[in-house]
Amino acid sequence: MQFKWRGSIELSSIKDLQEKIEALRTKMYKTYENNPNDPQLLAISQSLDKLLNELERSMRNEKKPK
């Protein structure tokens, strides 16, 4: 997925990223509720961390003066 367009972030891409984060967060919570020792929790958490980092970078880049 490409988030940059001519040096700026399209707001729809940020919104898409936020939706993916919420979906993965929900999946992580449900997995934990079903089995707190599920080995998939670590992988889900790491994927969520990557998406959160990407969102942070995207929002930081969006705020930079053009």
PDB file of N, CA and C in Angstrom:
ATOM      1  N   MET A   1       0.840  -1.171   0.000  1.00  0.00           N
ATOM      2  CA  MET A   1       0.000   0.000   0.000  1.00  0.00           C
ATOM      3  C   MET A   1       0.887   1.237   0.000  1.00  0.00           C
ATOM      4  N   GLN A   2       0.513   2.194  -0.804  1.00  0.00           N
ATOM      5  CA  GLN A   2       1.305   3.413  -0.899  1.00  0.00           C
ATOM      6  C   GLN A   2       0.563   4.535  -0.187  1.00  0.00           C
ATOM      7  N   PHE A   3       1.270   5.235   0.714  1.00  0.00           N
ATOM      8  CA  PHE A   3       0.645   6.295   1.472  1.00  0.00           C
ATOM      9  C   PHE A   3       1.064   7.675   0.991  1.00  0.00           C
ATOM     10  N   LYS A   4       2.175   7.772   0.291  1.00  0.00           N
ATOM     11  CA  LYS A   4       2.675   9.081  -0.106  1.00  0.00           C
ATOM     12  C   LYS A   4       2.234   9.422  -1.520  1.00  0.00           C
ATOM     13  N   TRP A   5       1.932  10.676  -1.718  1.00  0.00           N
ATOM     14  CA  TRP A   5       1.566  11.156  -3.032  1.00  0.00           C
ATOM     15  C   TRP A   5       2.132  12.559  -3.170  1.00  0.00           C
ATOM     16  N   ARG A   6       3.141  12.692  -3.999  1.00  0.00           N
ATOM     17  CA  ARG A   6       3.818  13.983  -4.194  1.00  0.00           C
ATOM     18  C   ARG A   6       4.252  14.612  -2.875  1.00  0.00           C
ATOM     19  N   GLY A   7       4.788  13.793  -1.988  1.00  0.00           N
ATOM     20  CA  GLY A   7       5.337  14.307  -0.734  1.00  0.00           C
ATOM     21  C   GLY A   7       4.321  14.547   0.360  1.00  0.00           C
ATOM     22  N   SER A   8       3.065  14.265   0.103  1.00  0.00           N
ATOM     23  CA  SER A   8       2.075  14.449   1.158  1.00  0.00           C
ATOM     24  C   SER A   8       1.250  13.181   1.308  1.00  0.00           C
ATOM     25  N   ILE A   9       0.548  13.112   2.401  1.00  0.00           N
ATOM     26  CA  ILE A   9      -0.271  11.947   2.695  1.00  0.00           C
ATOM     27  C   ILE A   9      -1.719  12.281   2.368  1.00  0.00           C
ATOM     28  N   GLU A  10      -2.349  11.409   1.638  1.00  0.00           N
ATOM     29  CA  GLU A  10      -3.767  11.606   1.378  1.00  0.00           C
ATOM     30  C   GLU A  10      -4.539  11.249   2.636  1.00  0.00           C
ATOM     31  N   LEU A  11      -5.513  12.071   2.973  1.00  0.00           N
ATOM     32  CA  LEU A  11      -6.274  11.834   4.196  1.00  0.00           C
ATOM     33  C   LEU A  11      -6.994  10.494   4.154  1.00  0.00           C
ATOM     34  N   SER A  12      -7.420  10.063   2.984  1.00  0.00           N
ATOM     35  CA  SER A  12      -8.105   8.774   2.902  1.00  0.00           C
ATOM     36  C   SER A  12      -7.165   7.639   3.280  1.00  0.00           C
ATOM     37  N   SER A  13      -5.877   7.770   2.973  1.00  0.00           N
ATOM     38  CA  SER A  13      -4.911   6.738   3.344  1.00  0.00           C
ATOM     39  C   SER A  13      -4.742   6.673   4.856  1.00  0.00           C
ATOM     40  N   ILE A  14      -4.732   7.825   5.495  1.00  0.00           N
ATOM     41  CA  ILE A  14      -4.633   7.852   6.958  1.00  0.00           C
ATOM     42  C   ILE A  14      -5.881   7.215   7.555  1.00  0.00           C
ATOM     43  N   LYS A  15      -7.031   7.533   7.005  1.00  0.00           N
ATOM     44  CA  LYS A  15      -8.276   6.948   7.504  1.00  0.00           C
ATOM     45  C   LYS A  15      -8.273   5.435   7.305  1.00  0.00           C
ATOM     46  N   ASP A  16      -7.811   4.974   6.162  1.00  0.00           N
ATOM     47  CA  ASP A  16      -7.711   3.529   5.911  1.00  0.00           C
ATOM     48  C   ASP A  16      -6.791   2.871   6.928  1.00  0.00           C
ATOM     49  N   LEU A  17      -5.672   3.509   7.202  1.00  0.00           N
ATOM     50  CA  LEU A  17      -4.719   2.975   8.161  1.00  0.00           C
ATOM     51  C   LEU A  17      -5.339   2.910   9.551  1.00  0.00           C
ATOM     52  N   GLN A  18      -6.079   3.941   9.938  1.00  0.00           N
ATOM     53  CA  GLN A  18      -6.745   3.946  11.238  1.00  0.00           C
ATOM     54  C   GLN A  18      -7.770   2.820  11.340  1.00  0.00           C
ATOM     55  N   GLU A  19      -8.472   2.563  10.245  1.00  0.00           N
ATOM     56  CA  GLU A  19      -9.454   1.476  10.246  1.00  0.00           C
ATOM     57  C   GLU A  19      -8.773   0.120  10.393  1.00  0.00           C
ATOM     58  N   LYS A  20      -7.646  -0.066   9.730  1.00  0.00           N
ATOM     59  CA  LYS A  20      -6.901  -1.313   9.850  1.00  0.00           C
ATOM     60  C   LYS A  20      -6.401  -1.507  11.274  1.00  0.00           C
ATOM     61  N   ILE A  21      -5.946  -0.424  11.889  1.00  0.00           N
ATOM     62  CA  ILE A  21      -5.466  -0.475  13.270  1.00  0.00           C
ATOM     63  C   ILE A  21      -6.597  -0.907  14.198  1.00  0.00           C
ATOM     64  N   GLU A  22      -7.761  -0.309  14.039  1.00  0.00           N
ATOM     65  CA  GLU A  22      -8.884  -0.657  14.909  1.00  0.00           C
ATOM     66  C   GLU A  22      -9.309  -2.112  14.716  1.00  0.00           C
ATOM     67  N   ALA A  23      -9.303  -2.582  13.467  1.00  0.00           N
ATOM     68  CA  ALA A  23      -9.670  -3.972  13.209  1.00  0.00           C
ATOM     69  C   ALA A  23      -8.671  -4.936  13.849  1.00  0.00           C
ATOM     70  N   LEU A  24      -7.397  -4.627  13.724  1.00  0.00           N
ATOM     71  CA  LEU A  24      -6.370  -5.495  14.305  1.00  0.00           C
ATOM     72  C   LEU A  24      -6.392  -5.437  15.829  1.00  0.00           C
ATOM     73  N   ARG A  25      -6.665  -4.263  16.372  1.00  0.00           N
ATOM     74  CA  ARG A  25      -6.774  -4.120  17.827  1.00  0.00           C
ATOM     75  C   ARG A  25      -7.929  -4.968  18.354  1.00  0.00           C
ATOM     76  N   THR A  26      -9.051  -4.936  17.654  1.00  0.00           N
ATOM     77  CA  THR A  26     -10.203  -5.754  18.040  1.00  0.00           C
ATOM     78  C   THR A  26      -9.859  -7.240  17.979  1.00  0.00           C
ATOM     79  N   LYS A  27      -9.155  -7.634  16.921  1.00  0.00           N
ATOM     80  CA  LYS A  27      -8.738  -9.029  16.787  1.00  0.00           C
ATOM     81  C   LYS A  27      -7.834  -9.439  17.948  1.00  0.00           C
ATOM     82  N   MET A  28      -6.935  -8.552  18.331  1.00  0.00           N
ATOM     83  CA  MET A  28      -6.020  -8.857  19.426  1.00  0.00           C
ATOM     84  C   MET A  28      -6.792  -9.022  20.734  1.00  0.00           C
ATOM     85  N   TYR A  29      -7.734  -8.107  21.000  1.00  0.00           N
ATOM     86  CA  TYR A  29      -8.530  -8.207  22.226  1.00  0.00           C
ATOM     87  C   TYR A  29      -9.330  -9.500  22.270  1.00  0.00           C
ATOM     88  N   LYS A  30      -9.956  -9.852  21.147  1.00  0.00           N
ATOM     89  CA  LYS A  30     -10.763 -11.076  21.096  1.00  0.00           C
ATOM     90  C   LYS A  30      -9.893 -12.314  21.280  1.00  0.00           C
ATOM     91  N   THR A  31      -8.724 -12.298  20.667  1.00  0.00           N
ATOM     92  CA  THR A  31      -7.806 -13.427  20.821  1.00  0.00           C
ATOM     93  C   THR A  31      -7.402 -13.575  22.280  1.00  0.00           C
ATOM     94  N   TYR A  32      -7.099 -12.459  22.925  1.00  0.00           N
ATOM     95  CA  TYR A  32      -6.711 -12.494  24.337  1.00  0.00           C
ATOM     96  C   TYR A  32      -7.860 -12.999  25.211  1.00  0.00           C
ATOM     97  N   GLU A  33      -9.071 -12.528  24.929  1.00  0.00           N
ATOM     98  CA  GLU A  33     -10.221 -12.963  25.726  1.00  0.00           C
ATOM     99  C   GLU A  33     -10.451 -14.465  25.607  1.00  0.00           C
ATOM    100  N   ASN A  34     -10.218 -15.007  24.406  1.00  0.00           N
ATOM    101  CA  ASN A  34     -10.408 -16.444  24.193  1.00  0.00           C
ATOM    102  C   ASN A  34      -9.298 -17.268  24.831  1.00  0.00           C
ATOM    103  N   ASN A  35      -8.055 -16.763  24.767  1.00  0.00           N
ATOM    104  CA  ASN A  35      -6.918 -17.500  25.327  1.00  0.00           C
ATOM    105  C   ASN A  35      -5.752 -16.543  25.527  1.00  0.00           C
ATOM    106  N   PRO A  36      -5.543 -16.077  26.758  1.00  0.00           N
ATOM    107  CA  PRO A  36      -4.456 -15.135  27.028  1.00  0.00           C
ATOM    108  C   PRO A  36      -3.066 -15.676  26.690  1.00  0.00           C
ATOM    109  N   ASN A  37      -2.945 -16.980  26.525  1.00  0.00           N
ATOM    110  CA  ASN A  37      -1.655 -17.594  26.209  1.00  0.00           C
ATOM    111  C   ASN A  37      -1.525 -17.980  24.739  1.00  0.00           C
ATOM    112  N   ASP A  38      -2.450 -17.508  23.917  1.00  0.00           N
ATOM    113  CA  ASP A  38      -2.429 -17.847  22.495  1.00  0.00           C
ATOM    114  C   ASP A  38      -1.127 -17.341  21.866  1.00  0.00           C
ATOM    115  N   PRO A  39      -0.386 -18.218  21.215  1.00  0.00           N
ATOM    116  CA  PRO A  39       0.888 -17.802  20.609  1.00  0.00           C
ATOM    117  C   PRO A  39       0.715 -16.766  19.493  1.00  0.00           C
ATOM    118  N   GLN A  40      -0.479 -16.635  18.948  1.00  0.00           N
ATOM    119  CA  GLN A  40      -0.719 -15.646  17.901  1.00  0.00           C
ATOM    120  C   GLN A  40      -0.756 -14.214  18.447  1.00  0.00           C
ATOM    121  N   LEU A  41      -0.943 -14.076  19.746  1.00  0.00           N
ATOM    122  CA  LEU A  41      -1.010 -12.735  20.340  1.00  0.00           C
ATOM    123  C   LEU A  41       0.248 -11.913  20.053  1.00  0.00           C
ATOM    124  N   LEU A  42       1.390 -12.528  20.145  1.00  0.00           N
ATOM    125  CA  LEU A  42       2.638 -11.808  19.892  1.00  0.00           C
ATOM    126  C   LEU A  42       2.691 -11.308  18.452  1.00  0.00           C
ATOM    127  N   ALA A  43       2.346 -12.169  17.508  1.00  0.00           N
ATOM    128  CA  ALA A  43       2.369 -11.774  16.096  1.00  0.00           C
ATOM    129  C   ALA A  43       1.356 -10.659  15.819  1.00  0.00           C
ATOM    130  N   ILE A  44       0.181 -10.758  16.409  1.00  0.00           N
ATOM    131  CA  ILE A  44      -0.838  -9.715  16.225  1.00  0.00           C
ATOM    132  C   ILE A  44      -0.345  -8.407  16.810  1.00  0.00           C
ATOM    133  N   SER A  45       0.221  -8.470  17.994  1.00  0.00           N
ATOM    134  CA  SER A  45       0.741  -7.273  18.655  1.00  0.00           C
ATOM    135  C   SER A  45       1.856  -6.614  17.846  1.00  0.00           C
ATOM    136  N   GLN A  46       2.726  -7.421  17.292  1.00  0.00           N
ATOM    137  CA  GLN A  46       3.814  -6.869  16.470  1.00  0.00           C
ATOM    138  C   GLN A  46       3.279  -6.224  15.202  1.00  0.00           C
ATOM    139  N   SER A  47       2.285  -6.825  14.593  1.00  0.00           N
ATOM    140  CA  SER A  47       1.668  -6.234  13.404  1.00  0.00           C
ATOM    141  C   SER A  47       0.987  -4.916  13.757  1.00  0.00           C
ATOM    142  N   LEU A  48       0.331  -4.889  14.890  1.00  0.00           N
ATOM    143  CA  LEU A  48      -0.321  -3.668  15.348  1.00  0.00           C
ATOM    144  C   LEU A  48       0.708  -2.573  15.603  1.00  0.00           C
ATOM    145  N   ASP A  49       1.817  -2.927  16.219  1.00  0.00           N
ATOM    146  CA  ASP A  49       2.896  -1.953  16.450  1.00  0.00           C
ATOM    147  C   ASP A  49       3.387  -1.346  15.145  1.00  0.00           C
ATOM    148  N   LYS A  50       3.544  -2.172  14.122  1.00  0.00           N
ATOM    149  CA  LYS A  50       4.010  -1.671  12.824  1.00  0.00           C
ATOM    150  C   LYS A  50       3.015  -0.689  12.219  1.00  0.00           C
ATOM    151  N   LEU A  51       1.732  -1.021  12.305  1.00  0.00           N
ATOM    152  CA  LEU A  51       0.710  -0.117  11.775  1.00  0.00           C
ATOM    153  C   LEU A  51       0.666   1.194  12.554  1.00  0.00           C
ATOM    154  N   LEU A  52       0.792   1.101  13.872  1.00  0.00           N
ATOM    155  CA  LEU A  52       0.793   2.320  14.695  1.00  0.00           C
ATOM    156  C   LEU A  52       1.995   3.202  14.369  1.00  0.00           C
ATOM    157  N   ASN A  53       3.153   2.583  14.153  1.00  0.00           N
ATOM    158  CA  ASN A  53       4.343   3.347  13.782  1.00  0.00           C
ATOM    159  C   ASN A  53       4.159   4.016  12.424  1.00  0.00           C
ATOM    160  N   GLU A  54       3.559   3.305  11.491  1.00  0.00           N
ATOM    161  CA  GLU A  54       3.308   3.867  10.165  1.00  0.00           C
ATOM    162  C   GLU A  54       2.333   5.037  10.250  1.00  0.00           C
ATOM    163  N   LEU A  55       1.312   4.905  11.074  1.00  0.00           N
ATOM    164  CA  LEU A  55       0.362   5.999  11.267  1.00  0.00           C
ATOM    165  C   LEU A  55       1.072   7.218  11.851  1.00  0.00           C
ATOM    166  N   GLU A  56       1.902   6.997  12.847  1.00  0.00           N
ATOM    167  CA  GLU A  56       2.646   8.096  13.463  1.00  0.00           C
ATOM    168  C   GLU A  56       3.521   8.808  12.429  1.00  0.00           C
ATOM    169  N   ARG A  57       4.243   8.038  11.616  1.00  0.00           N
ATOM    170  CA  ARG A  57       5.083   8.639  10.563  1.00  0.00           C
ATOM    171  C   ARG A  57       4.240   9.415   9.554  1.00  0.00           C
ATOM    172  N   SER A  58       3.131   8.837   9.167  1.00  0.00           N
ATOM    173  CA  SER A  58       2.260   9.473   8.185  1.00  0.00           C
ATOM    174  C   SER A  58       1.707  10.787   8.708  1.00  0.00           C
ATOM    175  N   MET A  59       1.285  10.783   9.941  1.00  0.00           N
ATOM    176  CA  MET A  59       0.716  12.002  10.516  1.00  0.00           C
ATOM    177  C   MET A  59       1.793  13.055  10.739  1.00  0.00           C
ATOM    178  N   ARG A  60       2.980  12.625  11.119  1.00  0.00           N
ATOM    179  CA  ARG A  60       4.092  13.559  11.294  1.00  0.00           C
ATOM    180  C   ARG A  60       4.455  14.201   9.963  1.00  0.00           C
ATOM    181  N   ASN A  61       4.518  13.402   8.901  1.00  0.00           N
ATOM    182  CA  ASN A  61       4.846  13.917   7.576  1.00  0.00           C
ATOM    183  C   ASN A  61       3.769  14.860   7.053  1.00  0.00           C
ATOM    184  N   GLU A  62       2.529  14.589   7.401  1.00  0.00           N
ATOM    185  CA  GLU A  62       1.423  15.431   6.960  1.00  0.00           C
ATOM    186  C   GLU A  62       1.508  16.817   7.590  1.00  0.00           C
ATOM    187  N   LYS A  63       2.045  16.897   8.803  1.00  0.00           N
ATOM    188  CA  LYS A  63       2.134  18.172   9.512  1.00  0.00           C
ATOM    189  C   LYS A  63       3.322  19.019   9.078  1.00  0.00           C
ATOM    190  N   LYS A  64       4.286  18.425   8.365  1.00  0.00           N
ATOM    191  CA  LYS A  64       5.459  19.183   7.928  1.00  0.00           C
ATOM    192  C   LYS A  64       5.044  20.257   6.929  1.00  0.00           C
ATOM    193  N   PRO A  65       5.651  21.450   7.040  1.00  0.00           N
ATOM    194  CA  PRO A  65       5.339  22.497   6.071  1.00  0.00           C
ATOM    195  C   PRO A  65       5.776  22.090   4.668  1.00  0.00           C
ATOM    196  N   LYS A  66       5.003  22.530   3.700  1.00  0.00           N
ATOM    197  CA  LYS A  66       5.291  22.159   2.316  1.00  0.00           C
ATOM    198  C   LYS A  66       5.985  23.264   1.579  1.00  0.00           C
TER     199      LYS A  66
END
